[in-house]
């Protein structure tokens, strides 16, 4: 996948708002031990790119100032109310440097236990792996066809090439098949949070997203200088 990005001179709340109104999305490119760059790209290009991405573990070629940079999307910030895209972080990666990414888990097959009336319970939809860019899997497939009621599929059961390391607890359950009698009514998450006195998560406004960008840029600059 390729996308055109431009160096961005516009920084600060008012100037960033202006380019958003003009159809641009602000962003940043950073890499390990490298200088970070403020960039901008057309909002319709980013929307199309995100729709085509299967997972974070997808290589993207950034056309930037006459160079092609291999990268991955590290973070996309959206308006919490409108879902409008506000900001994007790209990480520049090198072919000889390992990278850690989240890979989507695809469930394949119909469990024997489900056919017998069991309930399929999926614990994890993503896995964190570490590998070289050329070895990044876009997805991890789990075949559950042979799972009976009471069976579980663990991280340790996943077979990947030796050069792809799973950065997860090997004993963690990925998928299991529950007996119907074990299914109990679960309170809505909102009710549990209220009962425990836990506050609702704070939504990120456009201004906060801009402040976050400035802080991230400062931190990445400091890391580069170390």
C-alpha atoms as a PDB file:
ATOM      1  CA  UNK A   1       0.000   0.000   0.000  1.00  0.00           C
ATOM      2  CA  UNK A   2       1.251   3.473  -0.890  1.00  0.00           C
ATOM      3  CA  UNK A   3       0.181   6.918   0.217  1.00  0.00           C
ATOM      4  CA  UNK A   4       1.418  10.454  -0.395  1.00  0.00           C
ATOM      5  CA  UNK A   5       2.323  12.570   2.618  1.00  0.00           C
ATOM      6  CA  UNK A   6       3.752  16.080   2.828  1.00  0.00           C
ATOM      7  CA  UNK A   7       5.960  17.856   5.313  1.00  0.00           C
ATOM      8  CA  UNK A   8       3.806  20.051   7.554  1.00  0.00           C
ATOM      9  CA  UNK A   9       4.798  23.538   8.627  1.00  0.00           C
ATOM     10  CA  UNK A  10       1.478  24.145  10.349  1.00  0.00           C
ATOM     11  CA  UNK A  11       1.739  23.519  14.077  1.00  0.00           C
ATOM     12  CA  UNK A  12      -0.309  24.868  16.949  1.00  0.00           C
ATOM     13  CA  UNK A  13      -4.030  24.617  17.584  1.00  0.00           C
ATOM     14  CA  UNK A  14      -5.348  27.290  15.222  1.00  0.00           C
ATOM     15  CA  UNK A  15      -3.163  26.380  12.253  1.00  0.00           C
ATOM     16  CA  UNK A  16      -3.916  22.662  12.634  1.00  0.00           C
ATOM     17  CA  UNK A  17      -7.657  23.366  12.766  1.00  0.00           C
ATOM     18  CA  UNK A  18      -7.323  25.364   9.561  1.00  0.00           C
ATOM     19  CA  UNK A  19      -5.682  22.564   7.592  1.00  0.00           C
ATOM     20  CA  UNK A  20      -8.330  20.137   8.850  1.00  0.00           C
ATOM     21  CA  UNK A  21     -11.016  22.431   7.441  1.00  0.00           C
ATOM     22  CA  UNK A  22      -9.116  22.357   4.144  1.00  0.00           C
ATOM     23  CA  UNK A  23      -9.283  18.552   3.993  1.00  0.00           C
ATOM     24  CA  UNK A  24      -5.918  17.616   5.510  1.00  0.00           C
ATOM     25  CA  UNK A  25      -5.119  15.297   8.403  1.00  0.00           C
ATOM     26  CA  UNK A  26      -2.081  16.194  10.531  1.00  0.00           C
ATOM     27  CA  UNK A  27       0.309  13.467  11.543  1.00  0.00           C
ATOM     28  CA  UNK A  28       3.853  12.536  12.467  1.00  0.00           C
ATOM     29  CA  UNK A  29       6.526  10.128  11.190  1.00  0.00           C
ATOM     30  CA  UNK A  30       9.013   8.785  13.697  1.00  0.00           C
ATOM     31  CA  UNK A  31      11.483   5.943  13.935  1.00  0.00           C
ATOM     32  CA  UNK A  32      13.935   4.399  16.343  1.00  0.00           C
ATOM     33  CA  UNK A  33      16.791   6.856  16.854  1.00  0.00           C
ATOM     34  CA  UNK A  34      15.511   9.083  14.044  1.00  0.00           C
ATOM     35  CA  UNK A  35      14.298  12.630  13.741  1.00  0.00           C
ATOM     36  CA  UNK A  36      10.507  12.899  13.756  1.00  0.00           C
ATOM     37  CA  UNK A  37       8.634  14.862  11.096  1.00  0.00           C
ATOM     38  CA  UNK A  38       5.323  16.705  11.207  1.00  0.00           C
ATOM     39  CA  UNK A  39       3.323  15.685   8.147  1.00  0.00           C
ATOM     40  CA  UNK A  40      -0.099  16.095   6.574  1.00  0.00           C
ATOM     41  CA  UNK A  41      -2.088  13.971   4.136  1.00  0.00           C
ATOM     42  CA  UNK A  42      -5.443  14.228   2.424  1.00  0.00           C
ATOM     43  CA  UNK A  43      -8.281  13.025   4.633  1.00  0.00           C
ATOM     44  CA  UNK A  44      -9.898  10.961   1.852  1.00  0.00           C
ATOM     45  CA  UNK A  45      -6.558   9.182   1.237  1.00  0.00           C
ATOM     46  CA  UNK A  46      -6.259   8.246   4.912  1.00  0.00           C
ATOM     47  CA  UNK A  47      -9.884   7.094   5.101  1.00  0.00           C
ATOM     48  CA  UNK A  48      -9.338   4.827   2.084  1.00  0.00           C
ATOM     49  CA  UNK A  49      -6.082   3.484   3.550  1.00  0.00           C
ATOM     50  CA  UNK A  50      -7.651   2.638   6.910  1.00  0.00           C
ATOM     51  CA  UNK A  51     -10.543   0.840   5.212  1.00  0.00           C
ATOM     52  CA  UNK A  52      -8.086  -1.303   3.245  1.00  0.00           C
ATOM     53  CA  UNK A  53      -5.893  -2.191   6.209  1.00  0.00           C
ATOM     54  CA  UNK A  54      -6.407  -5.673   7.563  1.00  0.00           C
ATOM     55  CA  UNK A  55      -4.461  -5.035  10.757  1.00  0.00           C
ATOM     56  CA  UNK A  56      -1.682  -2.934  12.222  1.00  0.00           C
ATOM     57  CA  UNK A  57       0.760  -5.487  10.803  1.00  0.00           C
ATOM     58  CA  UNK A  58       0.460  -4.110   7.273  1.00  0.00           C
ATOM     59  CA  UNK A  59       3.396  -2.414   5.585  1.00  0.00           C
ATOM     60  CA  UNK A  60       2.655   1.006   4.126  1.00  0.00           C
ATOM     61  CA  UNK A  61       4.927   2.904   1.742  1.00  0.00           C
ATOM     62  CA  UNK A  62       4.965   6.625   2.466  1.00  0.00           C
ATOM     63  CA  UNK A  63       5.954   8.847  -0.455  1.00  0.00           C
ATOM     64  CA  UNK A  64       7.683  11.633   1.466  1.00  0.00           C
ATOM     65  CA  UNK A  65       9.905  14.328  -0.008  1.00  0.00           C
ATOM     66  CA  UNK A  66      11.004  12.190  -2.931  1.00  0.00           C
ATOM     67  CA  UNK A  67      11.715   9.129  -0.790  1.00  0.00           C
ATOM     68  CA  UNK A  68       9.772   5.952  -0.091  1.00  0.00           C
ATOM     69  CA  UNK A  69       9.587   5.101   3.605  1.00  0.00           C
ATOM     70  CA  UNK A  70       8.393   1.694   4.781  1.00  0.00           C
ATOM     71  CA  UNK A  71       6.130   2.224   7.770  1.00  0.00           C
ATOM     72  CA  UNK A  72       3.197   1.018   9.823  1.00  0.00           C
ATOM     73  CA  UNK A  73       0.373   2.968  11.420  1.00  0.00           C
ATOM     74  CA  UNK A  74       0.932   3.167  15.168  1.00  0.00           C
ATOM     75  CA  UNK A  75      -2.046   5.271  16.225  1.00  0.00           C
ATOM     76  CA  UNK A  76      -5.087   6.997  14.768  1.00  0.00           C
ATOM     77  CA  UNK A  77      -6.876   9.636  16.828  1.00  0.00           C
ATOM     78  CA  UNK A  78     -10.575  10.313  16.202  1.00  0.00           C
ATOM     79  CA  UNK A  79     -13.128  12.743  17.540  1.00  0.00           C
ATOM     80  CA  UNK A  80     -15.011  10.775  20.252  1.00  0.00           C
ATOM     81  CA  UNK A  81     -18.407  12.105  19.157  1.00  0.00           C
ATOM     82  CA  UNK A  82     -18.199  12.394  15.362  1.00  0.00           C
ATOM     83  CA  UNK A  83     -15.530   9.693  14.705  1.00  0.00           C
ATOM     84  CA  UNK A  84     -13.825  12.237  12.445  1.00  0.00           C
ATOM     85  CA  UNK A  85     -10.131  11.558  11.904  1.00  0.00           C
ATOM     86  CA  UNK A  86      -7.934  14.009  13.811  1.00  0.00           C
ATOM     87  CA  UNK A  87      -4.368  12.718  13.728  1.00  0.00           C
ATOM     88  CA  UNK A  88      -2.231   9.763  12.623  1.00  0.00           C
ATOM     89  CA  UNK A  89       1.150   8.409  13.786  1.00  0.00           C
ATOM     90  CA  UNK A  90       3.381   6.489  11.364  1.00  0.00           C
ATOM     91  CA  UNK A  91       6.436   4.537  12.484  1.00  0.00           C
ATOM     92  CA  UNK A  92       9.259   4.310   9.973  1.00  0.00           C
ATOM     93  CA  UNK A  93      10.702   0.797  10.059  1.00  0.00           C
ATOM     94  CA  UNK A  94      13.848  -0.816   8.639  1.00  0.00           C
ATOM     95  CA  UNK A  95      14.115  -4.227   7.005  1.00  0.00           C
ATOM     96  CA  UNK A  96      16.869  -5.357   9.378  1.00  0.00           C
ATOM     97  CA  UNK A  97      15.167  -4.165  12.562  1.00  0.00           C
ATOM     98  CA  UNK A  98      12.524  -6.159  14.441  1.00  0.00           C
ATOM     99  CA  UNK A  99       9.200  -4.515  15.090  1.00  0.00           C
ATOM    100  CA  UNK A 100       6.407  -5.266  17.579  1.00  0.00           C
ATOM    101  CA  UNK A 101       2.879  -5.218  16.150  1.00  0.00           C
ATOM    102  CA  UNK A 102      -0.664  -6.304  16.990  1.00  0.00           C
ATOM    103  CA  UNK A 103      -1.957  -8.960  14.591  1.00  0.00           C
ATOM    104  CA  UNK A 104      -5.625  -9.802  14.127  1.00  0.00           C
ATOM    105  CA  UNK A 105      -6.754 -13.351  14.976  1.00  0.00           C
ATOM    106  CA  UNK A 106      -9.062 -15.062  12.477  1.00  0.00           C
ATOM    107  CA  UNK A 107     -11.243 -17.943  13.684  1.00  0.00           C
ATOM    108  CA  UNK A 108     -11.566 -20.781  11.159  1.00  0.00           C
ATOM    109  CA  UNK A 109     -13.989 -23.681  11.145  1.00  0.00           C
ATOM    110  CA  UNK A 110     -17.027 -24.642  13.234  1.00  0.00           C
ATOM    111  CA  UNK A 111     -16.321 -26.282  16.555  1.00  0.00           C
ATOM    112  CA  UNK A 112     -17.659 -29.780  17.212  1.00  0.00           C
ATOM    113  CA  UNK A 113     -18.665 -28.546  20.637  1.00  0.00           C
ATOM    114  CA  UNK A 114     -20.701 -25.694  19.169  1.00  0.00           C
ATOM    115  CA  UNK A 115     -22.484 -28.182  16.927  1.00  0.00           C
ATOM    116  CA  UNK A 116     -23.387 -30.080  20.102  1.00  0.00           C
ATOM    117  CA  UNK A 117     -24.891 -26.966  21.685  1.00  0.00           C
ATOM    118  CA  UNK A 118     -21.823 -25.430  23.297  1.00  0.00           C
ATOM    119  CA  UNK A 119     -21.064 -21.706  23.307  1.00  0.00           C
ATOM    120  CA  UNK A 120     -17.952 -20.374  21.598  1.00  0.00           C
ATOM    121  CA  UNK A 121     -16.103 -17.885  23.790  1.00  0.00           C
ATOM    122  CA  UNK A 122     -13.373 -15.774  22.150  1.00  0.00           C
ATOM    123  CA  UNK A 123     -10.958 -14.255  24.670  1.00  0.00           C
ATOM    124  CA  UNK A 124      -8.528 -12.485  22.339  1.00  0.00           C
ATOM    125  CA  UNK A 125      -9.026 -10.931  18.916  1.00  0.00           C
ATOM    126  CA  UNK A 126      -5.436  -9.714  18.578  1.00  0.00           C
ATOM    127  CA  UNK A 127      -1.976 -10.998  19.462  1.00  0.00           C
ATOM    128  CA  UNK A 128       1.255  -9.058  19.918  1.00  0.00           C
ATOM    129  CA  UNK A 129       4.162 -10.444  17.887  1.00  0.00           C
ATOM    130  CA  UNK A 130       7.752  -9.394  17.256  1.00  0.00           C
ATOM    131  CA  UNK A 131       9.623 -10.034  14.016  1.00  0.00           C
ATOM    132  CA  UNK A 132      11.365  -8.495  11.039  1.00  0.00           C
ATOM    133  CA  UNK A 133       9.113  -6.492   8.684  1.00  0.00           C
ATOM    134  CA  UNK A 134       9.389  -9.099   5.912  1.00  0.00           C
ATOM    135  CA  UNK A 135       8.060 -11.767   8.287  1.00  0.00           C
ATOM    136  CA  UNK A 136       5.062  -9.835   9.645  1.00  0.00           C
ATOM    137  CA  UNK A 137       1.883 -11.926   9.385  1.00  0.00           C
ATOM    138  CA  UNK A 138      -1.190  -9.893   8.429  1.00  0.00           C
ATOM    139  CA  UNK A 139      -3.331 -12.340  10.384  1.00  0.00           C
ATOM    140  CA  UNK A 140      -3.072 -15.385  12.628  1.00  0.00           C
ATOM    141  CA  UNK A 141      -5.514 -18.189  11.805  1.00  0.00           C
ATOM    142  CA  UNK A 142      -6.870 -20.471  14.521  1.00  0.00           C
ATOM    143  CA  UNK A 143      -8.707 -23.625  13.427  1.00  0.00           C
ATOM    144  CA  UNK A 144     -11.297 -24.553  16.058  1.00  0.00           C
ATOM    145  CA  UNK A 145     -12.933 -27.403  14.157  1.00  0.00           C
ATOM    146  CA  UNK A 146     -11.865 -30.077  16.678  1.00  0.00           C
ATOM    147  CA  UNK A 147     -12.742 -28.190  19.863  1.00  0.00           C
ATOM    148  CA  UNK A 148     -15.253 -30.073  22.023  1.00  0.00           C
ATOM    149  CA  UNK A 149     -17.316 -28.656  24.893  1.00  0.00           C
ATOM    150  CA  UNK A 150     -14.867 -27.842  27.663  1.00  0.00           C
ATOM    151  CA  UNK A 151     -11.864 -27.583  25.339  1.00  0.00           C
ATOM    152  CA  UNK A 152      -9.647 -24.524  25.103  1.00  0.00           C
ATOM    153  CA  UNK A 153      -7.199 -23.193  22.536  1.00  0.00           C
ATOM    154  CA  UNK A 154      -4.211 -21.492  24.179  1.00  0.00           C
ATOM    155  CA  UNK A 155      -1.491 -19.153  22.920  1.00  0.00           C
ATOM    156  CA  UNK A 156       0.940 -22.078  23.197  1.00  0.00           C
ATOM    157  CA  UNK A 157      -1.155 -24.000  20.631  1.00  0.00           C
ATOM    158  CA  UNK A 158      -0.519 -21.420  17.910  1.00  0.00           C
ATOM    159  CA  UNK A 159       2.048 -22.499  15.327  1.00  0.00           C
ATOM    160  CA  UNK A 160       4.050 -19.674  13.755  1.00  0.00           C
ATOM    161  CA  UNK A 161       7.441 -19.576  12.002  1.00  0.00           C
ATOM    162  CA  UNK A 162      10.393 -19.576  14.406  1.00  0.00           C
ATOM    163  CA  UNK A 163      11.326 -16.041  13.353  1.00  0.00           C
ATOM    164  CA  UNK A 164       7.951 -14.701  14.562  1.00  0.00           C
ATOM    165  CA  UNK A 165       7.833 -14.427  18.344  1.00  0.00           C
ATOM    166  CA  UNK A 166       4.550 -14.142  20.243  1.00  0.00           C
ATOM    167  CA  UNK A 167       4.852 -11.529  23.000  1.00  0.00           C
ATOM    168  CA  UNK A 168       2.021 -12.956  25.105  1.00  0.00           C
ATOM    169  CA  UNK A 169       1.537 -15.281  28.073  1.00  0.00           C
ATOM    170  CA  UNK A 170       1.778 -18.766  26.565  1.00  0.00           C
ATOM    171  CA  UNK A 171      -0.855 -20.082  28.982  1.00  0.00           C
ATOM    172  CA  UNK A 172      -3.455 -17.466  28.011  1.00  0.00           C
ATOM    173  CA  UNK A 173      -6.697 -18.806  26.528  1.00  0.00           C
ATOM    174  CA  UNK A 174      -7.520 -17.671  23.005  1.00  0.00           C
ATOM    175  CA  UNK A 175     -10.798 -19.527  22.483  1.00  0.00           C
ATOM    176  CA  UNK A 176     -12.836 -22.041  24.475  1.00  0.00           C
ATOM    177  CA  UNK A 177     -16.156 -23.823  24.159  1.00  0.00           C
ATOM    178  CA  UNK A 178     -18.437 -23.448  27.155  1.00  0.00           C
ATOM    179  CA  UNK A 179     -21.227 -25.713  28.256  1.00  0.00           C
ATOM    180  CA  UNK A 180     -24.623 -23.933  28.079  1.00  0.00           C
ATOM    181  CA  UNK A 181     -25.196 -24.561  31.804  1.00  0.00           C
ATOM    182  CA  UNK A 182     -22.085 -22.497  32.595  1.00  0.00           C
ATOM    183  CA  UNK A 183     -23.442 -19.390  30.924  1.00  0.00           C
ATOM    184  CA  UNK A 184     -24.567 -16.858  33.533  1.00  0.00           C
ATOM    185  CA  UNK A 185     -26.097 -13.434  33.159  1.00  0.00           C
ATOM    186  CA  UNK A 186     -23.423 -10.764  33.088  1.00  0.00           C
ATOM    187  CA  UNK A 187     -24.161  -7.225  34.229  1.00  0.00           C
ATOM    188  CA  UNK A 188     -23.646  -4.528  31.616  1.00  0.00           C
ATOM    189  CA  UNK A 189     -20.175  -3.013  31.884  1.00  0.00           C
ATOM    190  CA  UNK A 190     -21.671   0.377  32.714  1.00  0.00           C
ATOM    191  CA  UNK A 191     -23.507  -1.039  35.737  1.00  0.00           C
ATOM    192  CA  UNK A 192     -20.361  -2.780  37.013  1.00  0.00           C
ATOM    193  CA  UNK A 193     -18.339   0.404  36.719  1.00  0.00           C
ATOM    194  CA  UNK A 194     -20.950   2.422  38.572  1.00  0.00           C
ATOM    195  CA  UNK A 195     -21.198  -0.221  41.306  1.00  0.00           C
ATOM    196  CA  UNK A 196     -17.433  -0.130  41.753  1.00  0.00           C
ATOM    197  CA  UNK A 197     -17.324   3.645  41.694  1.00  0.00           C
ATOM    198  CA  UNK A 198     -15.175   3.693  38.552  1.00  0.00           C
ATOM    199  CA  UNK A 199     -15.435   6.816  36.448  1.00  0.00           C
ATOM    200  CA  UNK A 200     -16.279   6.609  32.754  1.00  0.00           C
ATOM    201  CA  UNK A 201     -13.297   6.931  30.407  1.00  0.00           C
ATOM    202  CA  UNK A 202     -12.423  10.474  29.442  1.00  0.00           C
ATOM    203  CA  UNK A 203     -13.145  11.403  25.825  1.00  0.00           C
ATOM    204  CA  UNK A 204     -10.416  13.100  23.816  1.00  0.00           C
ATOM    205  CA  UNK A 205     -11.392  16.432  22.298  1.00  0.00           C
ATOM    206  CA  UNK A 206      -9.791  17.981  19.230  1.00  0.00           C
ATOM    207  CA  UNK A 207      -7.806  20.393  21.407  1.00  0.00           C
ATOM    208  CA  UNK A 208      -6.592  17.544  23.616  1.00  0.00           C
ATOM    209  CA  UNK A 209      -5.529  15.603  20.526  1.00  0.00           C
ATOM    210  CA  UNK A 210      -3.428  18.572  19.442  1.00  0.00           C
ATOM    211  CA  UNK A 211      -1.878  18.876  22.890  1.00  0.00           C
ATOM    212  CA  UNK A 212      -1.159  15.133  22.823  1.00  0.00           C
ATOM    213  CA  UNK A 213       0.557  15.507  19.444  1.00  0.00           C
ATOM    214  CA  UNK A 214       2.786  18.299  20.760  1.00  0.00           C
ATOM    215  CA  UNK A 215       3.729  16.241  23.833  1.00  0.00           C
ATOM    216  CA  UNK A 216       4.436  13.096  21.759  1.00  0.00           C
ATOM    217  CA  UNK A 217       6.585  15.104  19.348  1.00  0.00           C
ATOM    218  CA  UNK A 218       8.561  16.524  22.272  1.00  0.00           C
ATOM    219  CA  UNK A 219       9.065  13.053  23.813  1.00  0.00           C
ATOM    220  CA  UNK A 220      10.134  11.502  20.522  1.00  0.00           C
ATOM    221  CA  UNK A 221      12.567  14.362  19.946  1.00  0.00           C
ATOM    222  CA  UNK A 222      14.063  13.786  23.391  1.00  0.00           C
ATOM    223  CA  UNK A 223      14.381  10.035  22.696  1.00  0.00           C
ATOM    224  CA  UNK A 224      16.167  10.789  19.432  1.00  0.00           C
ATOM    225  CA  UNK A 225      18.633  13.091  21.168  1.00  0.00           C
ATOM    226  CA  UNK A 226      19.557  10.479  23.799  1.00  0.00           C
END
